[in-house]
Amino acid sequence: MEEFIEKIITEPFLARFIFVIVGVILLIAVTSLIKKQLHNFVKDQNNWYRARKLAVG
């Protein structure tokens, strides 16, 4: 087990890959948390209506 962890740390590609995966997971978690917190202030129906109105003209 220690050899596996040491290999992951010493390999630059694997370390970057794991760093990117952890970063993406954290980003998804933070954005979902913010969306839940702002759900009362921002309504999805209003956003769909405004986006459709801008797209159609």
C-alpha atoms as a PDB file:
ATOM      1  CA  MET A   1       0.000   0.000   0.000  1.00  0.00           C
ATOM      2  CA  GLU A   2       2.813   2.407   0.859  1.00  0.00           C
ATOM      3  CA  GLU A   3       4.553   1.643  -2.432  1.00  0.00           C
ATOM      4  CA  PHE A   4       1.352   2.416  -4.317  1.00  0.00           C
ATOM      5  CA  ILE A   5       0.953   5.793  -2.597  1.00  0.00           C
ATOM      6  CA  GLU A   6       4.620   6.603  -3.151  1.00  0.00           C
ATOM      7  CA  LYS A   7       4.317   5.719  -6.847  1.00  0.00           C
ATOM      8  CA  ILE A   8       1.276   7.964  -7.231  1.00  0.00           C
ATOM      9  CA  ILE A   9       3.063  10.875  -5.565  1.00  0.00           C
ATOM     10  CA  THR A  10       6.267  10.486  -7.582  1.00  0.00           C
ATOM     11  CA  GLU A  11       4.574  10.084 -10.988  1.00  0.00           C
ATOM     12  CA  PRO A  12       3.821  13.609 -12.262  1.00  0.00           C
ATOM     13  CA  PHE A  13       1.058  12.509 -14.641  1.00  0.00           C
ATOM     14  CA  LEU A  14      -0.820  10.523 -12.011  1.00  0.00           C
ATOM     15  CA  ALA A  15      -0.447  13.304  -9.443  1.00  0.00           C
ATOM     16  CA  ARG A  16      -1.844  15.882 -11.879  1.00  0.00           C
ATOM     17  CA  PHE A  17      -4.648  13.557 -12.916  1.00  0.00           C
ATOM     18  CA  ILE A  18      -5.702  12.956  -9.320  1.00  0.00           C
ATOM     19  CA  PHE A  19      -5.429  16.697  -8.612  1.00  0.00           C
ATOM     20  CA  VAL A  20      -7.735  17.454 -11.551  1.00  0.00           C
ATOM     21  CA  ILE A  21     -10.274  14.812 -10.489  1.00  0.00           C
ATOM     22  CA  VAL A  22     -10.356  16.138  -6.913  1.00  0.00           C
ATOM     23  CA  GLY A  23     -10.671  19.698  -8.227  1.00  0.00           C
ATOM     24  CA  VAL A  24     -13.619  18.797 -10.460  1.00  0.00           C
ATOM     25  CA  ILE A  25     -15.374  17.031  -7.592  1.00  0.00           C
ATOM     26  CA  LEU A  26     -14.858  20.041  -5.328  1.00  0.00           C
ATOM     27  CA  LEU A  27     -16.087  22.409  -8.035  1.00  0.00           C
ATOM     28  CA  ILE A  28     -19.262  20.391  -8.549  1.00  0.00           C
ATOM     29  CA  ALA A  29     -19.855  20.250  -4.794  1.00  0.00           C
ATOM     30  CA  VAL A  30     -19.370  24.001  -4.351  1.00  0.00           C
ATOM     31  CA  THR A  31     -21.608  24.926  -7.278  1.00  0.00           C
ATOM     32  CA  SER A  32     -24.380  22.627  -6.089  1.00  0.00           C
ATOM     33  CA  LEU A  33     -24.104  24.110  -2.591  1.00  0.00           C
ATOM     34  CA  ILE A  34     -24.316  27.652  -3.974  1.00  0.00           C
ATOM     35  CA  LYS A  35     -27.280  26.713  -6.139  1.00  0.00           C
ATOM     36  CA  LYS A  36     -29.098  25.299  -3.101  1.00  0.00           C
ATOM     37  CA  GLN A  37     -28.339  28.431  -1.088  1.00  0.00           C
ATOM     38  CA  LEU A  38     -29.530  30.785  -3.839  1.00  0.00           C
ATOM     39  CA  HIS A  39     -32.575  28.743  -4.817  1.00  0.00           C
ATOM     40  CA  ASN A  40     -34.927  31.079  -2.958  1.00  0.00           C
ATOM     41  CA  PHE A  41     -33.494  34.173  -4.624  1.00  0.00           C
ATOM     42  CA  VAL A  42     -33.120  32.944  -8.214  1.00  0.00           C
ATOM     43  CA  LYS A  43     -35.996  31.103  -9.836  1.00  0.00           C
ATOM     44  CA  ASP A  44     -35.305  28.784 -12.767  1.00  0.00           C
ATOM     45  CA  GLN A  45     -38.516  29.737 -14.562  1.00  0.00           C
ATOM     46  CA  ASN A  46     -37.505  33.390 -14.715  1.00  0.00           C
ATOM     47  CA  ASN A  47     -34.098  32.454 -16.113  1.00  0.00           C
ATOM     48  CA  TRP A  48     -35.630  30.210 -18.799  1.00  0.00           C
ATOM     49  CA  TYR A  49     -38.056  32.942 -19.776  1.00  0.00           C
ATOM     50  CA  ARG A  50     -35.327  35.589 -20.018  1.00  0.00           C
ATOM     51  CA  ALA A  51     -32.991  33.315 -21.982  1.00  0.00           C
ATOM     52  CA  ARG A  52     -35.744  32.357 -24.417  1.00  0.00           C
ATOM     53  CA  LYS A  53     -36.765  35.996 -24.809  1.00  0.00           C
ATOM     54  CA  LEU A  54     -33.158  37.001 -25.578  1.00  0.00           C
ATOM     55  CA  ALA A  55     -32.663  34.125 -28.023  1.00  0.00           C
ATOM     56  CA  VAL A  56     -35.892  34.627 -29.931  1.00  0.00           C
ATOM     57  CA  GLY A  57     -35.762  38.384 -29.897  1.00  0.00           C
END
